[in-house]
C-alpha cells in the first residue's frame, strides 16, 4: 500500500518536473524567437533609414562633398558590389566626382551608348550568350522602368536599396534623360546582368510600352523561373576558373576606366 502510494507520488513529481522542463524550454525558445525578431526589426529599421538617407542625398548633390556622402551611403548599402572599388580610393574619388558632375551638368551625363558598349564588352570578354548584348534603346527602357518602379515603391512605403528615385537623371519635365548619372550607370549594368530585365525591356519596346507613361506597366517582366545561377554568374565563374580571380578583377577595373575615364 505504502509502496504504491510512494510510486504514485514519485510519478507525480516526475511528471511535474517534466512539465516544468518543457515549459521552461518553450519559454526559452519563445524568448530566443522574440529576440531574433527584435533584432531583425531593428536591422530593417536601420536599413530603411540608410536607404532614405541615400535617396535624400541623391536629390541634393550641390558639391563634391555631397557626392562623397551619397557614395559613402551607397557603398554601405552595397558592400559586396563595391568591394573592389572600396579598396581603391583614387577610383572612388573619380566616381564621386563623376556623380557630382553628372548630377549638375547634362553635358556630363554618361550616354546610354557608352553604358551599352561597356556592358557588351563585358559580355564578349566573359563569354555570355549573344542575346545578352544590349543596345541604347533597351537600356533607356530599363532605366524608365526602374525609375517608375522606384516611384511606385516609395509611394507605397517600400524603401529598398535598388529603388532610389532621386538617383536617376531626368529632363526638366521629369522624364528619363538620354544619359545616366554615374551611380545610375552602375545600377543599369546590374539590371543588365538579370536575363529577365533585358527580355522585359525588349518586350516593352516591341509593344511600344513606356512605363513612365503607363505606371501600371512598371516592374512587369517576362515570367519564368531560372534554374541555377544567372548567365552572368556562370560566365563569371567560368572566367575565374580559366583566367583566375585576379584577371577578372583587372577586367572590371578596365571596364570601370572606360565607363568613367580620367
Protein backbone atom coordinates (compact mmCIF):
# COMPACT_ATOMS: atom_id res chain seq x y z
CA UNK A 1 0.00 0.00 0.00
CA UNK A 2 2.69 2.42 1.10
CA UNK A 3 4.89 1.33 -1.79
CA UNK A 4 2.16 2.02 -4.32
CA UNK A 5 1.48 5.42 -2.78
CA UNK A 6 5.16 6.25 -2.90
CA UNK A 7 5.37 5.30 -6.58
CA UNK A 8 2.34 7.48 -7.37
CA UNK A 9 3.92 10.42 -5.59
CA UNK A 10 7.19 9.88 -7.43
CA UNK A 11 5.37 9.71 -10.77
CA UNK A 12 3.50 12.93 -9.95
CA UNK A 13 6.75 14.66 -9.01
CA UNK A 14 8.47 13.33 -12.12
CA UNK A 15 5.52 14.42 -14.30
CA UNK A 16 5.57 17.90 -12.79
CA UNK A 17 9.32 18.12 -13.34
CA UNK A 18 8.95 17.13 -16.98
CA UNK A 19 6.14 19.66 -17.46
CA UNK A 20 8.23 22.40 -15.87
CA UNK A 21 11.15 21.42 -18.07
CA UNK A 22 9.02 21.58 -21.20
CA UNK A 23 7.53 24.91 -20.14
CA UNK A 24 11.00 26.30 -19.38
CA UNK A 25 12.33 25.11 -22.75
CA UNK A 26 9.29 26.55 -24.52
CA UNK A 27 9.73 29.85 -22.71
CA UNK A 28 13.42 29.96 -23.62
CA UNK A 29 12.58 29.20 -27.25
CA UNK A 30 9.95 31.94 -27.31
CA UNK A 31 12.44 34.38 -25.81
CA UNK A 32 15.02 33.41 -28.47
CA UNK A 33 12.48 33.84 -31.28
CA UNK A 34 11.32 37.17 -29.84
CA UNK A 35 14.94 38.34 -29.55
CA UNK A 36 15.68 37.40 -33.17
CA UNK A 37 12.52 39.15 -34.30
CA UNK A 38 13.52 42.29 -32.39
CA UNK A 39 16.99 42.13 -33.96
CA UNK A 40 15.53 41.71 -37.45
CA UNK A 41 13.16 44.63 -36.93
CA UNK A 42 15.99 46.80 -35.64
CA UNK A 43 18.24 45.89 -38.57
CA UNK A 44 15.44 46.52 -41.07
CA UNK A 45 14.71 49.90 -39.48
CA UNK A 46 18.39 50.83 -39.85
CA UNK A 47 18.35 49.59 -43.43
CA UNK A 48 15.29 51.71 -44.28
CA UNK A 49 16.92 54.75 -42.66
CA UNK A 50 20.06 54.19 -44.74
CA UNK A 51 18.02 53.88 -47.95
CA UNK A 52 16.10 57.04 -47.05
CA UNK A 53 19.38 58.91 -46.41
CA UNK A 54 20.77 57.70 -49.73
CA UNK A 55 17.67 58.88 -51.60
CA UNK A 56 17.75 62.23 -49.81
CA UNK A 57 21.44 62.71 -50.56
CA UNK A 58 20.92 61.72 -54.21
CA UNK A 59 18.41 64.54 -54.60
CA UNK A 60 20.61 67.35 -53.31
CA UNK A 61 24.11 67.00 -54.71
CA UNK A 62 25.49 70.53 -54.95
CA UNK A 63 29.16 69.83 -54.26
CA UNK A 64 31.70 67.03 -54.39
CA UNK A 65 31.31 66.70 -50.63
CA UNK A 66 27.60 65.95 -51.14
CA UNK A 67 28.52 63.41 -53.80
CA UNK A 68 31.03 61.71 -51.49
CA UNK A 69 28.41 61.48 -48.74
CA UNK A 70 25.96 59.90 -51.19
CA UNK A 71 28.59 57.44 -52.42
CA UNK A 72 29.51 56.53 -48.83
CA UNK A 73 25.87 55.69 -48.10
CA UNK A 74 25.59 53.64 -51.29
CA UNK A 75 28.75 51.63 -50.56
CA UNK A 76 27.31 50.88 -47.12
CA UNK A 77 24.13 49.56 -48.74
CA UNK A 78 26.11 47.59 -51.34
CA UNK A 79 29.21 46.32 -49.50
CA UNK A 80 29.77 43.31 -51.77
CA UNK A 81 29.13 45.10 -55.06
CA UNK A 82 31.54 47.93 -54.21
CA UNK A 83 34.14 45.70 -52.54
CA UNK A 84 36.70 46.08 -55.33
CA UNK A 85 36.32 49.86 -55.52
CA UNK A 86 36.41 50.34 -51.76
CA UNK A 87 40.00 49.14 -51.87
CA UNK A 88 40.87 51.86 -54.41
CA UNK A 89 40.48 55.42 -53.11
CA UNK A 90 41.51 57.03 -56.40
CA UNK A 91 38.68 55.38 -58.34
CA UNK A 92 36.18 56.06 -55.56
CA UNK A 93 37.12 59.74 -55.77
CA UNK A 94 36.73 59.63 -59.55
CA UNK A 95 33.30 58.03 -59.18
CA UNK A 96 32.25 60.67 -56.64
CA UNK A 97 33.36 63.44 -58.98
CA UNK A 98 31.58 61.82 -61.94
CA UNK A 99 28.39 61.61 -59.84
CA UNK A 100 28.68 65.28 -58.86
CA UNK A 101 29.27 66.41 -62.43
CA UNK A 102 26.55 64.22 -63.95
CA UNK A 103 24.03 65.35 -61.32
CA UNK A 104 24.63 69.02 -62.09
CA UNK A 105 25.57 69.23 -65.78
CA UNK A 106 23.59 67.47 -68.51
CA UNK A 107 26.70 67.58 -70.71
CA UNK A 108 28.39 65.29 -68.19
CA UNK A 109 25.72 62.60 -68.30
CA UNK A 110 27.01 59.20 -69.41
CA UNK A 111 25.49 58.35 -72.80
CA UNK A 112 23.41 55.19 -72.91
CA UNK A 113 25.56 54.02 -75.85
CA UNK A 114 28.64 54.25 -73.65
CA UNK A 115 26.95 52.12 -70.99
CA UNK A 116 25.91 49.64 -73.68
CA UNK A 117 29.44 49.50 -75.13
CA UNK A 118 30.99 48.76 -71.73
CA UNK A 119 28.38 46.11 -70.91
CA UNK A 120 28.73 44.46 -74.32
CA UNK A 121 32.50 44.31 -73.97
CA UNK A 122 31.97 42.51 -70.66
CA UNK A 123 29.51 40.10 -72.33
CA UNK A 124 32.02 39.22 -75.05
CA UNK A 125 35.00 39.01 -72.71
CA UNK A 126 33.47 36.60 -70.20
CA UNK A 127 31.63 34.56 -72.83
CA UNK A 128 27.98 35.31 -72.05
CA UNK A 129 25.29 34.31 -74.59
CA UNK A 130 24.91 36.61 -77.60
CA UNK A 131 21.39 37.60 -76.55
CA UNK A 132 22.90 39.35 -73.51
CA UNK A 133 24.19 42.13 -75.78
CA UNK A 134 22.17 45.32 -75.19
CA UNK A 135 21.56 48.48 -77.19
CA UNK A 136 20.86 52.06 -76.02
CA UNK A 137 17.09 51.79 -76.59
CA UNK A 138 16.91 48.73 -74.34
CA UNK A 139 18.95 50.49 -71.69
CA UNK A 140 16.64 53.50 -71.84
CA UNK A 141 13.63 51.23 -71.33
CA UNK A 142 15.31 49.56 -68.35
CA UNK A 143 16.00 52.98 -66.82
CA UNK A 144 12.47 54.22 -67.45
CA UNK A 145 11.05 51.08 -65.89
CA UNK A 146 13.41 51.25 -62.93
CA UNK A 147 12.61 54.88 -62.20
CA UNK A 148 8.86 54.34 -62.48
CA UNK A 149 9.03 51.24 -60.28
CA UNK A 150 11.07 53.17 -57.71
CA UNK A 151 8.46 55.94 -57.63
CA UNK A 152 5.71 53.39 -57.07
CA UNK A 153 7.70 51.64 -54.35
CA UNK A 154 8.28 54.84 -52.42
CA UNK A 155 4.67 55.92 -52.83
CA UNK A 156 3.69 52.57 -51.32
CA UNK A 157 6.07 52.95 -48.40
CA UNK A 158 8.59 50.36 -49.64
CA UNK A 159 12.17 51.56 -49.37
CA UNK A 160 14.75 49.28 -50.98
CA UNK A 161 18.35 49.87 -51.91
CA UNK A 162 17.59 49.24 -55.60
CA UNK A 163 14.75 51.78 -55.53
CA UNK A 164 16.30 55.24 -55.20
CA UNK A 165 14.25 57.51 -57.48
CA UNK A 166 16.36 60.61 -56.79
CA UNK A 167 19.38 58.86 -58.29
CA UNK A 168 18.06 58.94 -61.87
CA UNK A 169 18.95 61.56 -64.47
CA UNK A 170 15.79 63.38 -65.52
CA UNK A 171 14.79 66.06 -68.02
CA UNK A 172 13.18 69.29 -66.72
CA UNK A 173 9.72 67.77 -67.29
CA UNK A 174 10.55 64.77 -65.09
CA UNK A 175 11.22 62.23 -67.84
CA UNK A 176 14.23 59.94 -68.03
CA UNK A 177 17.13 61.80 -69.67
CA UNK A 178 19.09 60.45 -72.62
CA UNK A 179 22.13 59.81 -70.41
CA UNK A 180 22.83 58.39 -66.97
CA UNK A 181 24.23 59.74 -63.77
CA UNK A 182 27.38 57.92 -62.66
CA UNK A 183 25.93 55.66 -59.98
CA UNK A 184 22.82 55.15 -62.08
CA UNK A 185 25.03 53.71 -64.84
CA UNK A 186 26.33 51.08 -62.42
CA UNK A 187 22.75 50.27 -61.40
CA UNK A 188 21.82 49.78 -65.06
CA UNK A 189 24.70 47.35 -65.51
CA UNK A 190 23.41 45.36 -62.55
CA UNK A 191 19.97 45.22 -64.16
CA UNK A 192 21.55 44.01 -67.40
CA UNK A 193 23.01 41.03 -65.55
CA UNK A 194 19.44 39.87 -64.88
CA UNK A 195 18.32 37.96 -68.01
CA UNK A 196 14.67 38.86 -67.43
CA UNK A 197 15.33 42.59 -67.17
CA UNK A 198 16.69 42.73 -70.72
CA UNK A 199 13.98 40.40 -72.08
CA UNK A 200 11.30 42.55 -70.47
CA UNK A 201 12.81 45.69 -71.99
CA UNK A 202 12.73 44.10 -75.44
CA UNK A 203 9.13 43.08 -74.93
CA UNK A 204 8.16 46.62 -73.88
CA UNK A 205 9.89 48.08 -76.94
CA UNK A 206 8.18 45.56 -79.22
CA UNK A 207 4.78 46.52 -77.78
CA UNK A 208 5.56 50.24 -77.64
CA UNK A 209 5.10 50.31 -73.85
CA UNK A 210 6.68 53.20 -71.90
CA UNK A 211 6.31 52.53 -68.14
CA UNK A 212 6.51 56.19 -67.15
CA UNK A 213 3.54 56.90 -69.44
CA UNK A 214 1.59 53.95 -68.02
CA UNK A 215 2.72 53.28 -64.49
CA UNK A 216 0.71 50.04 -64.32
CA UNK A 217 3.25 48.56 -66.72
CA UNK A 218 6.20 49.26 -64.42
CA UNK A 219 8.02 46.33 -62.81
CA UNK A 220 6.37 43.82 -65.17
CA UNK A 221 8.86 41.40 -66.69
CA UNK A 222 8.96 38.17 -68.60
CA UNK A 223 7.61 35.49 -66.27
CA UNK A 224 9.82 32.49 -65.70
CA UNK A 225 11.94 30.58 -63.25
CA UNK A 226 15.67 30.43 -63.76
CA UNK A 227 17.17 27.08 -62.77
CA UNK A 228 20.65 27.56 -61.36
CA UNK A 229 22.65 30.76 -61.50
CA UNK A 230 22.14 33.61 -63.95
CA UNK A 231 24.19 33.53 -67.17
CA UNK A 232 26.30 36.40 -65.81
CA UNK A 233 27.11 34.38 -62.68
CA UNK A 234 28.02 31.28 -64.66
CA UNK A 235 30.16 33.28 -67.07
CA UNK A 236 31.99 34.94 -64.17
CA UNK A 237 32.65 31.57 -62.56
CA UNK A 238 33.96 30.10 -65.83
CA UNK A 239 36.12 33.15 -66.47
CA UNK A 240 37.60 32.97 -62.97
CA UNK A 241 38.26 29.26 -63.42
CA UNK A 242 40.03 29.78 -66.75
CA UNK A 243 41.90 33.02 -66.04
CA UNK A 244 41.96 33.48 -62.26
CA UNK A 245 40.15 35.89 -59.97
CA UNK A 246 42.92 38.47 -60.34
CA UNK A 247 42.40 38.62 -64.10
CA UNK A 248 38.66 39.04 -63.59
CA UNK A 249 39.25 41.96 -61.21
CA UNK A 250 41.54 43.55 -63.79
CA UNK A 251 38.77 43.21 -66.36
CA UNK A 252 36.32 45.01 -64.07
CA UNK A 253 38.80 47.80 -63.41
CA UNK A 254 39.48 48.19 -67.14
CA UNK A 255 35.76 48.47 -67.86
CA UNK A 256 35.32 50.91 -64.96
CA UNK A 257 38.01 53.10 -66.52
CA UNK A 258 36.15 53.04 -69.84
CA UNK A 259 32.88 53.98 -68.19
CA UNK A 260 34.48 56.72 -66.07
CA UNK A 261 37.63 57.85 -67.94
CA UNK A 262 40.02 60.14 -66.13
